[in-house]
Amino acid sequence: MNRIGERMREYRRAIKMTQADFASRLGVTGAAVSAYETGNRLPSYEVLVKIANILGVSTDALLGRQSADRVVCLLYTSDAADE
């Protein structure tokens, strides 16, 4: 299994999503998700971005460049930006 696939499976399981549900949200087959997770196939860049969005992690976390617990999302309102 490749590291991307291992991380993908870990994050998917952490949110209690089945491969079938994940495949449906991604717009791919269950066989494709299985192939990604086992390392038989790598997702395209576009699919990698979708995977990260669905799992709520960064692409860097999936690629092993950053741990998911360090991902921070900041939202600014126009009032907050003026302060």
Protein backbone atom coordinates (compact mmCIF):
# COMPACT_ATOMS: atom_id res chain seq x y z
CA MET A 1 0.00 0.00 0.00
CA ASN A 2 1.34 3.46 -0.79
CA ARG A 3 1.45 6.16 1.82
CA ILE A 4 -1.21 8.30 0.11
CA GLY A 5 -3.56 5.33 0.11
CA GLU A 6 -2.82 4.56 3.75
CA ARG A 7 -3.55 8.14 4.76
CA MET A 8 -6.67 8.28 2.62
CA ARG A 9 -8.03 5.11 4.27
CA GLU A 10 -7.09 6.37 7.74
CA TYR A 11 -8.86 9.71 7.26
CA ARG A 12 -11.90 8.09 5.59
CA ARG A 13 -12.29 5.62 8.45
CA ALA A 14 -11.84 8.41 11.01
CA ILE A 15 -15.00 10.06 9.68
CA LYS A 16 -16.74 6.67 9.49
CA MET A 17 -17.31 6.80 5.74
CA THR A 18 -17.54 3.60 3.71
CA GLN A 19 -15.64 3.13 0.48
CA ALA A 20 -18.99 3.09 -1.36
CA ASP A 21 -20.09 6.41 0.15
CA PHE A 22 -16.67 7.91 -0.49
CA ALA A 23 -16.71 6.74 -4.12
CA SER A 24 -20.17 8.21 -4.61
CA ARG A 25 -19.12 11.60 -3.23
CA LEU A 26 -15.94 11.52 -5.33
CA GLY A 27 -17.76 10.54 -8.51
CA VAL A 28 -15.65 7.40 -9.05
CA THR A 29 -16.28 3.68 -8.66
CA GLY A 30 -15.74 1.74 -5.47
CA ALA A 31 -13.05 -0.19 -7.34
CA ALA A 32 -11.20 3.09 -7.99
CA VAL A 33 -11.26 4.00 -4.29
CA SER A 34 -10.01 0.52 -3.41
CA ALA A 35 -7.22 0.86 -5.98
CA TYR A 36 -6.20 4.25 -4.53
CA GLU A 37 -6.14 2.88 -0.99
CA THR A 38 -4.17 -0.25 -1.86
CA GLY A 39 -1.65 1.62 -4.00
CA ASN A 40 -2.59 -0.05 -7.27
CA ARG A 41 -3.52 3.34 -8.72
CA LEU A 42 -2.79 6.97 -7.89
CA PRO A 43 -5.53 9.62 -8.07
CA SER A 44 -5.20 12.44 -10.57
CA TYR A 45 -4.50 15.92 -9.23
CA GLU A 46 -8.17 16.87 -9.61
CA VAL A 47 -9.31 13.77 -7.73
CA LEU A 48 -6.67 14.32 -5.02
CA VAL A 49 -8.08 17.80 -4.39
CA LYS A 50 -11.63 16.37 -4.18
CA ILE A 51 -10.42 13.68 -1.78
CA ALA A 52 -8.83 16.29 0.48
CA ASN A 53 -11.98 18.41 0.45
CA ILE A 54 -14.26 15.48 1.29
CA LEU A 55 -11.98 14.27 4.08
CA GLY A 56 -11.45 17.78 5.46
CA VAL A 57 -7.66 17.65 5.23
CA SER A 58 -5.10 19.39 3.05
CA THR A 59 -3.48 17.80 0.03
CA ASP A 60 -0.21 18.21 1.95
CA ALA A 61 -1.61 15.98 4.70
CA LEU A 62 -2.55 13.32 2.13
CA LEU A 63 0.91 13.54 0.59
CA GLY A 64 2.60 13.31 4.00
CA ARG A 65 4.04 16.79 3.92
CA GLN A 66 1.96 18.03 6.85
CA SER A 67 -0.01 16.25 9.56
CA ALA A 68 -3.76 16.74 9.38
CA ASP A 69 -3.93 17.99 12.97
CA ARG A 70 -1.89 21.03 11.90
CA VAL A 71 -4.35 22.11 9.20
CA VAL A 72 -5.91 25.41 10.19
CA CYS A 73 -8.69 27.15 8.35
CA LEU A 74 -9.20 30.84 9.04
CA LEU A 75 -12.34 32.67 8.03
CA TYR A 76 -12.43 36.43 7.99
CA THR A 77 -15.40 38.73 7.86
CA SER A 78 -15.07 42.23 6.55
CA ASP A 79 -15.30 43.56 10.14
CA ALA A 80 -12.55 41.24 11.40
CA ALA A 81 -10.28 42.19 8.53
CA ASP A 82 -10.55 45.89 9.46
CA GLU A 83 -9.34 45.39 13.03
